[in-house]
Amino acid sequence: MKYLISILLLVPSLGWAGSDTFANCAFTQECFEGEACEDTTFEMGIEHSDDIPFVMQTMSENIEGDVFDNGAPDATSTLLGQTKTATHLLTIQPGGAARYTVHMQGPMAITYQGTCEVIN
C-alpha cells in the first residue's frame, strides 16, 4: 500500500488556483481494499470558485468535481470528482467527520477516514 501512495505522490500537481477555501481535511486511517486499515497522515484542501464547483487539492493531483447536498447549513456534503483513472468521493458530515474513497480501475478502492474543517 505504501508503494501505491509513493507512486501517486510522484505525479506532478496541476497547479489550479482556486478563489476560496471550502475545507481543509486530515485523514488518519487508510484502508486499502482487502487489507487491514493502517495509520496515515494524508491531507487535502478543498477549493471552490464561481467557475468550478470544487477542486480537491492533494499532494499528487487536483481533482475537479461537483458538490451534492440539500442546501442546509447542517447538511452532509458529498463531493464527487473524476479523473482518467479514478473516481473520487468525499463525504463531510456536519460535525466534521469525513470519508474519502478513491475507486480505481481493477477494480480497486482505497478509503481514508478522518475529519474536515469547513471554512466557507
Protein backbone atom coordinates (compact mmCIF):
# COMPACT_ATOMS: atom_id res chain seq x y z
CA MET A 1 0.00 0.00 0.00
CA LYS A 2 2.75 2.43 0.89
CA TYR A 3 4.21 1.72 -2.56
CA LEU A 4 0.99 2.84 -4.29
CA ILE A 5 0.85 6.09 -2.30
CA SER A 6 4.52 6.75 -3.11
CA ILE A 7 3.77 6.43 -6.82
CA LEU A 8 0.81 8.80 -6.51
CA LEU A 9 2.99 11.40 -4.81
CA LEU A 10 5.36 11.42 -7.78
CA VAL A 11 2.61 12.66 -10.14
CA PRO A 12 3.03 16.42 -10.68
CA SER A 13 0.35 18.78 -9.35
CA LEU A 14 -1.90 20.51 -11.86
CA GLY A 15 -1.46 23.90 -10.18
CA TRP A 16 -5.11 25.02 -10.00
CA ALA A 17 -5.51 28.33 -8.19
CA GLY A 18 -8.97 28.43 -6.61
CA SER A 19 -10.57 31.55 -5.23
CA ASP A 20 -11.97 30.34 -1.90
CA THR A 21 -11.09 27.66 0.60
CA PHE A 22 -14.11 25.48 1.37
CA ALA A 23 -12.46 22.99 3.76
CA ASN A 24 -9.20 21.52 4.99
CA CYS A 25 -9.16 17.77 5.61
CA ALA A 26 -6.82 15.47 7.53
CA PHE A 27 -7.10 11.70 7.36
CA THR A 28 -5.61 9.36 9.97
CA GLN A 29 -6.70 5.93 8.68
CA GLU A 30 -6.06 4.40 5.26
CA CYS A 31 -7.99 1.28 4.28
CA PHE A 32 -6.76 -0.45 1.16
CA GLU A 33 -9.27 -2.89 -0.33
CA GLY A 34 -8.86 -6.38 1.12
CA GLU A 35 -6.32 -5.31 3.77
CA ALA A 36 -6.49 -4.05 7.34
CA CYS A 37 -6.61 -0.28 7.89
CA GLU A 38 -3.34 1.48 8.76
CA ASP A 39 -2.42 4.81 10.32
CA THR A 40 -1.67 7.57 7.83
CA THR A 41 -1.16 11.35 7.64
CA PHE A 42 -2.93 12.30 4.41
CA GLU A 43 -4.24 15.84 3.95
CA MET A 44 -6.18 17.71 1.27
CA GLY A 45 -7.67 21.13 0.74
CA ILE A 46 -11.00 21.82 -0.93
CA GLU A 47 -11.24 24.99 -3.03
CA HIS A 48 -14.18 26.43 -4.94
CA SER A 49 -14.89 29.30 -7.31
CA ASP A 50 -17.71 30.58 -9.49
CA ASP A 51 -16.31 28.66 -12.48
CA ILE A 52 -15.75 25.26 -10.85
CA PRO A 53 -17.96 23.84 -8.05
CA PHE A 54 -14.87 22.49 -6.23
CA VAL A 55 -11.33 21.20 -6.56
CA MET A 56 -9.84 18.61 -4.18
CA GLN A 57 -6.17 19.53 -3.86
CA THR A 58 -3.86 16.71 -2.83
CA MET A 59 -0.07 16.39 -2.97
CA SER A 60 -0.34 14.30 -6.13
CA GLU A 61 -3.18 15.89 -8.11
CA ASN A 62 -6.08 18.32 -8.21
CA ILE A 63 -9.49 16.78 -8.87
CA GLU A 64 -12.37 18.91 -10.17
CA GLY A 65 -15.94 17.86 -9.49
CA ASP A 66 -19.43 18.59 -8.21
CA VAL A 67 -20.94 19.09 -4.75
CA PHE A 68 -24.16 17.41 -3.66
CA ASP A 69 -26.04 18.46 -0.50
CA ASN A 70 -29.52 19.59 0.48
CA GLY A 71 -28.54 23.28 0.81
CA ALA A 72 -28.93 23.40 4.59
CA PRO A 73 -26.00 24.55 6.78
CA ASP A 74 -26.10 21.29 8.75
CA ALA A 75 -26.25 19.09 5.65
CA THR A 76 -23.80 16.38 4.75
CA SER A 77 -21.68 17.49 1.80
CA THR A 78 -20.77 14.94 -0.84
CA LEU A 79 -18.10 15.83 -3.40
CA LEU A 80 -17.70 13.66 -6.48
CA GLY A 81 -14.76 14.01 -8.89
CA GLN A 82 -13.49 12.04 -11.85
CA THR A 83 -10.01 11.68 -13.33
CA LYS A 84 -8.84 9.49 -16.23
CA THR A 85 -8.01 6.63 -13.89
CA ALA A 86 -10.25 7.00 -10.81
CA THR A 87 -13.48 8.23 -9.27
CA HIS A 88 -13.06 10.28 -6.08
CA LEU A 89 -15.80 10.57 -3.44
CA LEU A 90 -15.52 12.77 -0.33
CA THR A 91 -18.30 12.91 2.25
CA ILE A 92 -18.20 15.50 5.06
CA GLN A 93 -20.66 15.23 7.96
CA PRO A 94 -21.88 18.43 9.73
CA GLY A 95 -19.62 17.67 12.74
CA GLY A 96 -16.56 17.30 10.50
CA ALA A 97 -16.25 13.51 10.24
CA ALA A 98 -15.07 12.71 6.71
CA ARG A 99 -14.57 9.73 4.40
CA TYR A 100 -12.60 9.94 1.17
CA THR A 101 -12.75 6.98 -1.21
CA VAL A 102 -10.81 6.52 -4.42
CA HIS A 103 -12.22 3.90 -6.81
CA MET A 104 -9.66 2.84 -9.41
CA GLN A 105 -9.64 0.56 -12.39
CA GLY A 106 -9.01 -3.03 -11.49
CA PRO A 107 -11.40 -2.74 -9.57
CA MET A 108 -9.62 -1.43 -6.52
CA ALA A 109 -10.57 1.08 -3.80
CA ILE A 110 -8.82 2.98 -1.02
CA THR A 111 -10.81 4.61 1.80
CA TYR A 112 -9.46 7.33 4.08
CA GLN A 113 -11.08 8.15 7.42
CA GLY A 114 -10.58 11.50 9.15
CA THR A 115 -12.03 14.96 9.61
CA CYS A 116 -12.60 18.11 7.57
CA GLU A 117 -12.80 21.62 8.93
CA VAL A 118 -15.28 23.53 6.78
CA ILE A 119 -14.01 27.11 6.34
CA ASN A 120 -16.51 28.61 3.93
